Amino acid sequence: MRFVTGVTTISSAGTRVQLNNVTNRVKFVKAKALAGNSGLAYVGVSDVASTTGYELSAGNELELNFGDFGGSVPANVFYADAATNSDKVCWSMILEG
C-alpha cells in the first residue's frame, strides 16, 4: 500500500478538477476544504457540481473507507469543484499496491 497526498486548486468556480490522475485503486480517501477558502467546496465523481457534490464548508472534511467493506475504487474517479475561484481541497489516499 502507498499513502499519497495533494492539494487541488479549483481555479474557476463551477469547473471540476480531478484530485489524482493515477489509475491505482484506492482503499481510503479523505478530502478537506482548506480553512482559508472563501466559499463552499464540493467533492464527488466526474459529474461533481454544487448540485451533485458532497458540500464542504471551509475546514470541513469527508472520509471514505472502502477497505472497511473489502473493496476499492480507482483513485482517478474523485473530483472537486468550488463556489469561489481559487479555493482548494487537500486530500489523502491509501492506494493498493
PDB file of N, CA and C in Angstrom:
ATOM      1  N   MET A   1       0.832  -1.181   0.000  1.00  0.00           N
ATOM      2  CA  MET A   1       0.000   0.000   0.000  1.00  0.00           C
ATOM      3  C   MET A   1       0.880   1.248   0.000  1.00  0.00           C
ATOM      4  N   ARG A   2       0.341   2.306  -0.598  1.00  0.00           N
ATOM      5  CA  ARG A   2       1.042   3.587  -0.637  1.00  0.00           C
ATOM      6  C   ARG A   2       0.120   4.681  -0.120  1.00  0.00           C
ATOM      7  N   PHE A   3       0.706   5.648   0.570  1.00  0.00           N
ATOM      8  CA  PHE A   3      -0.022   6.806   1.063  1.00  0.00           C
ATOM      9  C   PHE A   3       0.378   7.998   0.222  1.00  0.00           C
ATOM     10  N   VAL A   4      -0.594   8.678  -0.384  1.00  0.00           N
ATOM     11  CA  VAL A   4      -0.324   9.853  -1.203  1.00  0.00           C
ATOM     12  C   VAL A   4      -1.206  11.010  -0.740  1.00  0.00           C
ATOM     13  N   THR A   5      -0.688  12.223  -0.924  1.00  0.00           N
ATOM     14  CA  THR A   5      -1.443  13.415  -0.536  1.00  0.00           C
ATOM     15  C   THR A   5      -1.320  14.473  -1.624  1.00  0.00           C
ATOM     16  N   GLY A   6      -2.187  15.445  -1.564  1.00  0.00           N
ATOM     17  CA  GLY A   6      -2.113  16.540  -2.517  1.00  0.00           C
ATOM     18  C   GLY A   6      -3.057  17.664  -2.153  1.00  0.00           C
ATOM     19  N   VAL A   7      -2.920  18.758  -2.867  1.00  0.00           N
ATOM     20  CA  VAL A   7      -3.826  19.898  -2.741  1.00  0.00           C
ATOM     21  C   VAL A   7      -4.288  20.238  -4.150  1.00  0.00           C
ATOM     22  N   THR A   8      -5.585  20.314  -4.324  1.00  0.00           N
ATOM     23  CA  THR A   8      -6.169  20.628  -5.620  1.00  0.00           C
ATOM     24  C   THR A   8      -6.785  22.016  -5.564  1.00  0.00           C
ATOM     25  N   THR A   9      -6.363  22.865  -6.477  1.00  0.00           N
ATOM     26  CA  THR A   9      -6.912  24.223  -6.578  1.00  0.00           C
ATOM     27  C   THR A   9      -7.974  24.253  -7.655  1.00  0.00           C
ATOM     28  N   ILE A  10      -9.130  24.783  -7.314  1.00  0.00           N
ATOM     29  CA  ILE A  10     -10.199  24.955  -8.291  1.00  0.00           C
ATOM     30  C   ILE A  10     -10.083  26.387  -8.815  1.00  0.00           C
ATOM     31  N   SER A  11      -9.407  26.542  -9.927  1.00  0.00           N
ATOM     32  CA  SER A  11      -9.118  27.877 -10.477  1.00  0.00           C
ATOM     33  C   SER A  11     -10.376  28.646 -10.827  1.00  0.00           C
ATOM     34  N   SER A  12     -11.326  27.962 -11.460  1.00  0.00           N
ATOM     35  CA  SER A  12     -12.574  28.610 -11.883  1.00  0.00           C
ATOM     36  C   SER A  12     -13.753  27.935 -11.202  1.00  0.00           C
ATOM     37  N   ALA A  13     -14.468  28.682 -10.410  1.00  0.00           N
ATOM     38  CA  ALA A  13     -15.653  28.144  -9.749  1.00  0.00           C
ATOM     39  C   ALA A  13     -16.595  27.544 -10.788  1.00  0.00           C
ATOM     40  N   GLY A  14     -17.149  26.388 -10.459  1.00  0.00           N
ATOM     41  CA  GLY A  14     -18.056  25.724 -11.382  1.00  0.00           C
ATOM     42  C   GLY A  14     -17.358  24.824 -12.387  1.00  0.00           C
ATOM     43  N   THR A  15     -16.043  24.689 -12.271  1.00  0.00           N
ATOM     44  CA  THR A  15     -15.277  23.824 -13.168  1.00  0.00           C
ATOM     45  C   THR A  15     -14.594  22.736 -12.345  1.00  0.00           C
ATOM     46  N   ARG A  16     -15.037  21.510 -12.511  1.00  0.00           N
ATOM     47  CA  ARG A  16     -14.497  20.400 -11.703  1.00  0.00           C
ATOM     48  C   ARG A  16     -13.043  20.117 -12.064  1.00  0.00           C
ATOM     49  N   VAL A  17     -12.303  19.651 -11.037  1.00  0.00           N
ATOM     50  CA  VAL A  17     -10.886  19.345 -11.200  1.00  0.00           C
ATOM     51  C   VAL A  17     -10.633  17.975 -10.575  1.00  0.00           C
ATOM     52  N   GLN A  18      -9.914  17.129 -11.290  1.00  0.00           N
ATOM     53  CA  GLN A  18      -9.588  15.790 -10.801  1.00  0.00           C
ATOM     54  C   GLN A  18      -8.609  15.893  -9.639  1.00  0.00           C
ATOM     55  N   LEU A  19      -8.872  15.114  -8.565  1.00  0.00           N
ATOM     56  CA  LEU A  19      -7.970  15.149  -7.416  1.00  0.00           C
ATOM     57  C   LEU A  19      -6.649  14.460  -7.715  1.00  0.00           C
ATOM     58  N   ASN A  20      -6.700  13.285  -8.317  1.00  0.00           N
ATOM     59  CA  ASN A  20      -5.498  12.491  -8.565  1.00  0.00           C
ATOM     60  C   ASN A  20      -5.720  11.720  -9.856  1.00  0.00           C
ATOM     61  N   ASN A  21      -4.763  11.761 -10.776  1.00  0.00           N
ATOM     62  CA  ASN A  21      -4.973  11.113 -12.074  1.00  0.00           C
ATOM     63  C   ASN A  21      -4.363   9.717 -12.185  1.00  0.00           C
ATOM     64  N   VAL A  22      -3.896   9.136 -11.083  1.00  0.00           N
ATOM     65  CA  VAL A  22      -3.349   7.777 -11.153  1.00  0.00           C
ATOM     66  C   VAL A  22      -4.489   6.772 -11.264  1.00  0.00           C
ATOM     67  N   THR A  23      -4.209   5.630 -11.869  1.00  0.00           N
ATOM     68  CA  THR A  23      -5.235   4.613 -12.045  1.00  0.00           C
ATOM     69  C   THR A  23      -5.205   3.556 -10.950  1.00  0.00           C
ATOM     70  N   ASN A  24      -4.270   3.678  -9.995  1.00  0.00           N
ATOM     71  CA  ASN A  24      -4.241   2.743  -8.874  1.00  0.00           C
ATOM     72  C   ASN A  24      -5.598   2.737  -8.184  1.00  0.00           C
ATOM     73  N   ARG A  25      -5.870   1.660  -7.500  1.00  0.00           N
ATOM     74  CA  ARG A  25      -7.121   1.573  -6.743  1.00  0.00           C
ATOM     75  C   ARG A  25      -6.892   2.122  -5.338  1.00  0.00           C
ATOM     76  N   VAL A  26      -7.908   2.788  -4.814  1.00  0.00           N
ATOM     77  CA  VAL A  26      -7.804   3.433  -3.513  1.00  0.00           C
ATOM     78  C   VAL A  26      -8.684   2.696  -2.500  1.00  0.00           C
ATOM     79  N   LYS A  27      -8.118   2.454  -1.321  1.00  0.00           N
ATOM     80  CA  LYS A  27      -8.846   1.815  -0.221  1.00  0.00           C
ATOM     81  C   LYS A  27      -9.474   2.863   0.700  1.00  0.00           C
ATOM     82  N   PHE A  28      -8.850   4.045   0.770  1.00  0.00           N
ATOM     83  CA  PHE A  28      -9.279   5.091   1.696  1.00  0.00           C
ATOM     84  C   PHE A  28      -8.986   6.448   1.075  1.00  0.00           C
ATOM     85  N   VAL A  29      -9.927   7.374   1.214  1.00  0.00           N
ATOM     86  CA  VAL A  29      -9.712   8.742   0.739  1.00  0.00           C
ATOM     87  C   VAL A  29     -10.295   9.715   1.762  1.00  0.00           C
ATOM     88  N   LYS A  30      -9.569  10.801   1.980  1.00  0.00           N
ATOM     89  CA  LYS A  30     -10.033  11.877   2.854  1.00  0.00           C
ATOM     90  C   LYS A  30      -9.829  13.175   2.094  1.00  0.00           C
ATOM     91  N   ALA A  31     -10.867  14.018   2.080  1.00  0.00           N
ATOM     92  CA  ALA A  31     -10.795  15.325   1.416  1.00  0.00           C
ATOM     93  C   ALA A  31     -11.228  16.384   2.416  1.00  0.00           C
ATOM     94  N   LYS A  32     -10.520  17.517   2.392  1.00  0.00           N
ATOM     95  CA  LYS A  32     -10.817  18.604   3.327  1.00  0.00           C
ATOM     96  C   LYS A  32     -10.761  19.933   2.592  1.00  0.00           C
ATOM     97  N   ALA A  33     -11.785  20.752   2.809  1.00  0.00           N
ATOM     98  CA  ALA A  33     -11.777  22.116   2.270  1.00  0.00           C
ATOM     99  C   ALA A  33     -10.845  22.947   3.145  1.00  0.00           C
ATOM    100  N   LEU A  34      -9.897  23.636   2.537  1.00  0.00           N
ATOM    101  CA  LEU A  34      -8.928  24.395   3.321  1.00  0.00           C
ATOM    102  C   LEU A  34      -9.613  25.493   4.134  1.00  0.00           C
ATOM    103  N   ALA A  35      -9.066  25.744   5.306  1.00  0.00           N
ATOM    104  CA  ALA A  35      -9.644  26.716   6.240  1.00  0.00           C
ATOM    105  C   ALA A  35      -9.714  28.113   5.641  1.00  0.00           C
ATOM    106  N   GLY A  36      -8.813  28.449   4.732  1.00  0.00           N
ATOM    107  CA  GLY A  36      -8.782  29.774   4.130  1.00  0.00           C
ATOM    108  C   GLY A  36      -9.733  29.963   2.955  1.00  0.00           C
ATOM    109  N   ASN A  37     -10.499  28.924   2.616  1.00  0.00           N
ATOM    110  CA  ASN A  37     -11.433  29.040   1.490  1.00  0.00           C
ATOM    111  C   ASN A  37     -12.491  30.102   1.759  1.00  0.00           C
ATOM    112  N   SER A  38     -12.917  30.777   0.699  1.00  0.00           N
ATOM    113  CA  SER A  38     -13.928  31.829   0.810  1.00  0.00           C
ATOM    114  C   SER A  38     -15.350  31.296   0.698  1.00  0.00           C
ATOM    115  N   GLY A  39     -15.513  30.172   0.002  1.00  0.00           N
ATOM    116  CA  GLY A  39     -16.848  29.627  -0.231  1.00  0.00           C
ATOM    117  C   GLY A  39     -16.896  28.143  -0.005  1.00  0.00           C
ATOM    118  N   LEU A  40     -17.947  27.522  -0.500  1.00  0.00           N
ATOM    119  CA  LEU A  40     -18.127  26.085  -0.360  1.00  0.00           C
ATOM    120  C   LEU A  40     -17.307  25.330  -1.397  1.00  0.00           C
ATOM    121  N   ALA A  41     -16.867  24.138  -1.021  1.00  0.00           N
ATOM    122  CA  ALA A  41     -16.222  23.216  -1.953  1.00  0.00           C
ATOM    123  C   ALA A  41     -17.117  21.995  -2.068  1.00  0.00           C
ATOM    124  N   TYR A  42     -16.984  21.286  -3.165  1.00  0.00           N
ATOM    125  CA  TYR A  42     -17.803  20.103  -3.418  1.00  0.00           C
ATOM    126  C   TYR A  42     -16.889  18.974  -3.866  1.00  0.00           C
ATOM    127  N   VAL A  43     -17.101  17.784  -3.305  1.00  0.00           N
ATOM    128  CA  VAL A  43     -16.311  16.610  -3.664  1.00  0.00           C
ATOM    129  C   VAL A  43     -17.260  15.560  -4.209  1.00  0.00           C
ATOM    130  N   GLY A  44     -16.819  14.871  -5.258  1.00  0.00           N
ATOM    131  CA  GLY A  44     -17.644  13.825  -5.851  1.00  0.00           C
ATOM    132  C   GLY A  44     -16.896  13.119  -6.958  1.00  0.00           C
ATOM    133  N   VAL A  45     -17.641  12.615  -7.918  1.00  0.00           N
ATOM    134  CA  VAL A  45     -17.046  11.938  -9.070  1.00  0.00           C
ATOM    135  C   VAL A  45     -17.093  12.880 -10.266  1.00  0.00           C
ATOM    136  N   SER A  46     -16.973  12.341 -11.467  1.00  0.00           N
ATOM    137  CA  SER A  46     -16.755  13.184 -12.655  1.00  0.00           C
ATOM    138  C   SER A  46     -17.864  14.186 -12.945  1.00  0.00           C
ATOM    139  N   ASP A  47     -19.031  14.020 -12.365  1.00  0.00           N
ATOM    140  CA  ASP A  47     -20.107  14.988 -12.597  1.00  0.00           C
ATOM    141  C   ASP A  47     -20.301  15.940 -11.414  1.00  0.00           C
ATOM    142  N   VAL A  48     -19.292  16.061 -10.556  1.00  0.00           N
ATOM    143  CA  VAL A  48     -19.433  16.894  -9.357  1.00  0.00           C
ATOM    144  C   VAL A  48     -19.772  18.332  -9.724  1.00  0.00           C
ATOM    145  N   ALA A  49     -20.671  18.898  -8.943  1.00  0.00           N
ATOM    146  CA  ALA A  49     -21.091  20.292  -9.094  1.00  0.00           C
ATOM    147  C   ALA A  49     -21.754  20.688  -7.787  1.00  0.00           C
ATOM    148  N   SER A  50     -22.176  21.921  -7.686  1.00  0.00           N
ATOM    149  CA  SER A  50     -22.830  22.372  -6.454  1.00  0.00           C
ATOM    150  C   SER A  50     -24.111  21.592  -6.182  1.00  0.00           C
ATOM    151  N   THR A  51     -24.716  21.029  -7.215  1.00  0.00           N
ATOM    152  CA  THR A  51     -25.963  20.278  -7.044  1.00  0.00           C
ATOM    153  C   THR A  51     -25.764  18.781  -6.860  1.00  0.00           C
ATOM    154  N   THR A  52     -24.557  18.281  -7.143  1.00  0.00           N
ATOM    155  CA  THR A  52     -24.341  16.828  -7.071  1.00  0.00           C
ATOM    156  C   THR A  52     -23.221  16.420  -6.126  1.00  0.00           C
ATOM    157  N   GLY A  53     -22.423  17.355  -5.650  1.00  0.00           N
ATOM    158  CA  GLY A  53     -21.270  17.011  -4.830  1.00  0.00           C
ATOM    159  C   GLY A  53     -21.568  17.021  -3.345  1.00  0.00           C
ATOM    160  N   TYR A  54     -20.646  16.440  -2.590  1.00  0.00           N
ATOM    161  CA  TYR A  54     -20.715  16.477  -1.134  1.00  0.00           C
ATOM    162  C   TYR A  54     -20.169  17.828  -0.704  1.00  0.00           C
ATOM    163  N   GLU A  55     -21.003  18.622  -0.054  1.00  0.00           N
ATOM    164  CA  GLU A  55     -20.667  20.008   0.268  1.00  0.00           C
ATOM    165  C   GLU A  55     -19.748  20.097   1.485  1.00  0.00           C
ATOM    166  N   LEU A  56     -18.675  20.872   1.333  1.00  0.00           N
ATOM    167  CA  LEU A  56     -17.729  21.089   2.427  1.00  0.00           C
ATOM    168  C   LEU A  56     -17.536  22.583   2.654  1.00  0.00           C
ATOM    169  N   SER A  57     -17.844  23.042   3.857  1.00  0.00           N
ATOM    170  CA  SER A  57     -17.504  24.405   4.256  1.00  0.00           C
ATOM    171  C   SER A  57     -16.022  24.446   4.574  1.00  0.00           C
ATOM    172  N   ALA A  58     -15.435  25.617   4.630  1.00  0.00           N
ATOM    173  CA  ALA A  58     -14.015  25.755   4.966  1.00  0.00           C
ATOM    174  C   ALA A  58     -13.717  25.003   6.261  1.00  0.00           C
ATOM    175  N   GLY A  59     -12.720  24.130   6.212  1.00  0.00           N
ATOM    176  CA  GLY A  59     -12.307  23.347   7.370  1.00  0.00           C
ATOM    177  C   GLY A  59     -13.020  22.022   7.536  1.00  0.00           C
ATOM    178  N   ASN A  60     -14.102  21.787   6.778  1.00  0.00           N
ATOM    179  CA  ASN A  60     -14.823  20.516   6.870  1.00  0.00           C
ATOM    180  C   ASN A  60     -14.158  19.458   6.008  1.00  0.00           C
ATOM    181  N   GLU A  61     -14.397  18.191   6.369  1.00  0.00           N
ATOM    182  CA  GLU A  61     -13.765  17.099   5.637  1.00  0.00           C
ATOM    183  C   GLU A  61     -14.725  15.946   5.416  1.00  0.00           C
ATOM    184  N   LEU A  62     -14.325  15.074   4.505  1.00  0.00           N
ATOM    185  CA  LEU A  62     -15.070  13.870   4.147  1.00  0.00           C
ATOM    186  C   LEU A  62     -14.091  12.708   4.139  1.00  0.00           C
ATOM    187  N   GLU A  63     -14.473  11.593   4.766  1.00  0.00           N
ATOM    188  CA  GLU A  63     -13.662  10.371   4.763  1.00  0.00           C
ATOM    189  C   GLU A  63     -14.462   9.242   4.154  1.00  0.00           C
ATOM    190  N   LEU A  64     -13.829   8.497   3.249  1.00  0.00           N
ATOM    191  CA  LEU A  64     -14.442   7.313   2.654  1.00  0.00           C
ATOM    192  C   LEU A  64     -13.468   6.157   2.806  1.00  0.00           C
ATOM    193  N   ASN A  65     -13.898   5.103   3.493  1.00  0.00           N
ATOM    194  CA  ASN A  65     -13.032   3.955   3.735  1.00  0.00           C
ATOM    195  C   ASN A  65     -13.616   2.733   3.039  1.00  0.00           C
ATOM    196  N   PHE A  66     -13.212   2.512   1.801  1.00  0.00           N
ATOM    197  CA  PHE A  66     -13.700   1.386   1.027  1.00  0.00           C
ATOM    198  C   PHE A  66     -13.129   0.071   1.540  1.00  0.00           C
ATOM    199  N   GLY A  67     -11.947   0.123   2.144  1.00  0.00           N
ATOM    200  CA  GLY A  67     -11.310  -1.062   2.685  1.00  0.00           C
ATOM    201  C   GLY A  67     -12.117  -1.711   3.793  1.00  0.00           C
ATOM    202  N   ASP A  68     -12.879  -0.921   4.550  1.00  0.00           N
ATOM    203  CA  ASP A  68     -13.730  -1.474   5.605  1.00  0.00           C
ATOM    204  C   ASP A  68     -14.749  -2.461   5.052  1.00  0.00           C
ATOM    205  N   PHE A  69     -15.067  -2.302   3.782  1.00  0.00           N
ATOM    206  CA  PHE A  69     -16.059  -3.162   3.150  1.00  0.00           C
ATOM    207  C   PHE A  69     -15.406  -4.170   2.199  1.00  0.00           C
ATOM    208  N   GLY A  70     -14.068  -4.258   2.262  1.00  0.00           N
ATOM    209  CA  GLY A  70     -13.344  -5.213   1.431  1.00  0.00           C
ATOM    210  C   GLY A  70     -13.190  -4.771  -0.008  1.00  0.00           C
ATOM    211  N   GLY A  71     -13.386  -3.495  -0.284  1.00  0.00           N
ATOM    212  CA  GLY A  71     -13.344  -3.035  -1.664  1.00  0.00           C
ATOM    213  C   GLY A  71     -12.350  -1.926  -1.911  1.00  0.00           C
ATOM    214  N   SER A  72     -12.369  -1.441  -3.126  1.00  0.00           N
ATOM    215  CA  SER A  72     -11.534  -0.314  -3.543  1.00  0.00           C
ATOM    216  C   SER A  72     -12.147   0.265  -4.816  1.00  0.00           C
ATOM    217  N   VAL A  73     -11.737   1.466  -5.158  1.00  0.00           N
ATOM    218  CA  VAL A  73     -12.193   2.122  -6.386  1.00  0.00           C
ATOM    219  C   VAL A  73     -10.978   2.790  -7.030  1.00  0.00           C
ATOM    220  N   PRO A  74     -11.039   3.081  -8.325  1.00  0.00           N
ATOM    221  CA  PRO A  74      -9.918   3.777  -8.951  1.00  0.00           C
ATOM    222  C   PRO A  74      -9.734   5.169  -8.339  1.00  0.00           C
ATOM    223  N   ALA A  75      -8.498   5.545  -8.104  1.00  0.00           N
ATOM    224  CA  ALA A  75      -8.197   6.837  -7.483  1.00  0.00           C
ATOM    225  C   ALA A  75      -8.595   8.003  -8.383  1.00  0.00           C
ATOM    226  N   ASN A  76      -8.600   7.780  -9.683  1.00  0.00           N
ATOM    227  CA  ASN A  76      -8.850   8.887 -10.613  1.00  0.00           C
ATOM    228  C   ASN A  76     -10.329   9.231 -10.799  1.00  0.00           C
ATOM    229  N   VAL A  77     -11.220   8.648 -10.014  1.00  0.00           N
ATOM    230  CA  VAL A  77     -12.645   8.969 -10.154  1.00  0.00           C
ATOM    231  C   VAL A  77     -13.068  10.161  -9.305  1.00  0.00           C
ATOM    232  N   PHE A  78     -12.206  10.646  -8.413  1.00  0.00           N
ATOM    233  CA  PHE A  78     -12.578  11.722  -7.491  1.00  0.00           C
ATOM    234  C   PHE A  78     -12.261  13.102  -8.060  1.00  0.00           C
ATOM    235  N   TYR A  79     -13.232  13.998  -7.921  1.00  0.00           N
ATOM    236  CA  TYR A  79     -13.120  15.364  -8.421  1.00  0.00           C
ATOM    237  C   TYR A  79     -13.577  16.343  -7.353  1.00  0.00           C
ATOM    238  N   ALA A  80     -13.190  17.599  -7.520  1.00  0.00           N
ATOM    239  CA  ALA A  80     -13.653  18.664  -6.640  1.00  0.00           C
ATOM    240  C   ALA A  80     -14.095  19.848  -7.487  1.00  0.00           C
ATOM    241  N   ASP A  81     -14.999  20.610  -6.934  1.00  0.00           N
ATOM    242  CA  ASP A  81     -15.456  21.856  -7.536  1.00  0.00           C
ATOM    243  C   ASP A  81     -15.603  22.852  -6.390  1.00  0.00           C
ATOM    244  N   ALA A  82     -15.792  24.105  -6.689  1.00  0.00           N
ATOM    245  CA  ALA A  82     -15.927  25.115  -5.643  1.00  0.00           C
ATOM    246  C   ALA A  82     -16.852  26.229  -6.110  1.00  0.00           C
ATOM    247  N   ALA A  83     -17.394  26.940  -5.134  1.00  0.00           N
ATOM    248  CA  ALA A  83     -18.266  28.073  -5.427  1.00  0.00           C
ATOM    249  C   ALA A  83     -17.481  29.358  -5.644  1.00  0.00           C
ATOM    250  N   THR A  84     -16.203  29.341  -5.267  1.00  0.00           N
ATOM    251  CA  THR A  84     -15.366  30.542  -5.349  1.00  0.00           C
ATOM    252  C   THR A  84     -14.068  30.209  -6.080  1.00  0.00           C
ATOM    253  N   ASN A  85     -13.650  31.060  -6.991  1.00  0.00           N
ATOM    254  CA  ASN A  85     -12.383  30.875  -7.703  1.00  0.00           C
ATOM    255  C   ASN A  85     -11.227  30.714  -6.728  1.00  0.00           C
ATOM    256  N   SER A  86     -10.317  29.827  -7.052  1.00  0.00           N
ATOM    257  CA  SER A  86      -9.050  29.594  -6.345  1.00  0.00           C
ATOM    258  C   SER A  86      -9.191  28.954  -4.968  1.00  0.00           C
ATOM    259  N   ASP A  87     -10.373  28.469  -4.591  1.00  0.00           N
ATOM    260  CA  ASP A  87     -10.482  27.701  -3.354  1.00  0.00           C
ATOM    261  C   ASP A  87      -9.806  26.348  -3.554  1.00  0.00           C
ATOM    262  N   LYS A  88      -9.457  25.701  -2.435  1.00  0.00           N
ATOM    263  CA  LYS A  88      -8.644  24.486  -2.502  1.00  0.00           C
ATOM    264  C   LYS A  88      -9.231  23.368  -1.654  1.00  0.00           C
ATOM    265  N   VAL A  89      -8.937  22.143  -2.103  1.00  0.00           N
ATOM    266  CA  VAL A  89      -9.278  20.934  -1.356  1.00  0.00           C
ATOM    267  C   VAL A  89      -7.989  20.135  -1.199  1.00  0.00           C
ATOM    268  N   CYS A  90      -7.631  19.832   0.045  1.00  0.00           N
ATOM    269  CA  CYS A  90      -6.487  18.948   0.260  1.00  0.00           C
ATOM    270  C   CYS A  90      -7.035  17.539   0.426  1.00  0.00           C
ATOM    271  N   TRP A  91      -6.245  16.562   0.087  1.00  0.00           N
ATOM    272  CA  TRP A  91      -6.712  15.191   0.115  1.00  0.00           C
ATOM    273  C   TRP A  91      -5.577  14.232   0.448  1.00  0.00           C
ATOM    274  N   SER A  92      -5.974  13.055   0.931  1.00  0.00           N
ATOM    275  CA  SER A  92      -5.026  11.963   1.147  1.00  0.00           C
ATOM    276  C   SER A  92      -5.709  10.671   0.723  1.00  0.00           C
ATOM    277  N   MET A  93      -4.889   9.743   0.236  1.00  0.00           N
ATOM    278  CA  MET A  93      -5.394   8.453  -0.236  1.00  0.00           C
ATOM    279  C   MET A  93      -4.450   7.338   0.173  1.00  0.00           C
ATOM    280  N   ILE A  94      -5.027   6.203   0.481  1.00  0.00           N
ATOM    281  CA  ILE A  94      -4.251   4.982   0.643  1.00  0.00           C
ATOM    282  C   ILE A  94      -4.542   4.130  -0.587  1.00  0.00           C
ATOM    283  N   LEU A  95      -3.497   3.912  -1.376  1.00  0.00           N
ATOM    284  CA  LEU A  95      -3.620   3.172  -2.631  1.00  0.00           C
ATOM    285  C   LEU A  95      -3.192   1.734  -2.439  1.00  0.00           C
ATOM    286  N   GLU A  96      -3.835   0.821  -3.180  1.00  0.00           N
ATOM    287  CA  GLU A  96      -3.398  -0.573  -3.194  1.00  0.00           C
ATOM    288  C   GLU A  96      -2.078  -0.680  -3.946  1.00  0.00           C
ATOM    289  N   GLY A  97      -1.316  -1.685  -3.613  1.00  0.00           N
ATOM    290  CA  GLY A  97      -0.100  -1.995  -4.358  1.00  0.00           C
ATOM    291  C   GLY A  97       1.080  -1.141  -4.122  1.00  0.00           C
TER     292      GLY A  97
END
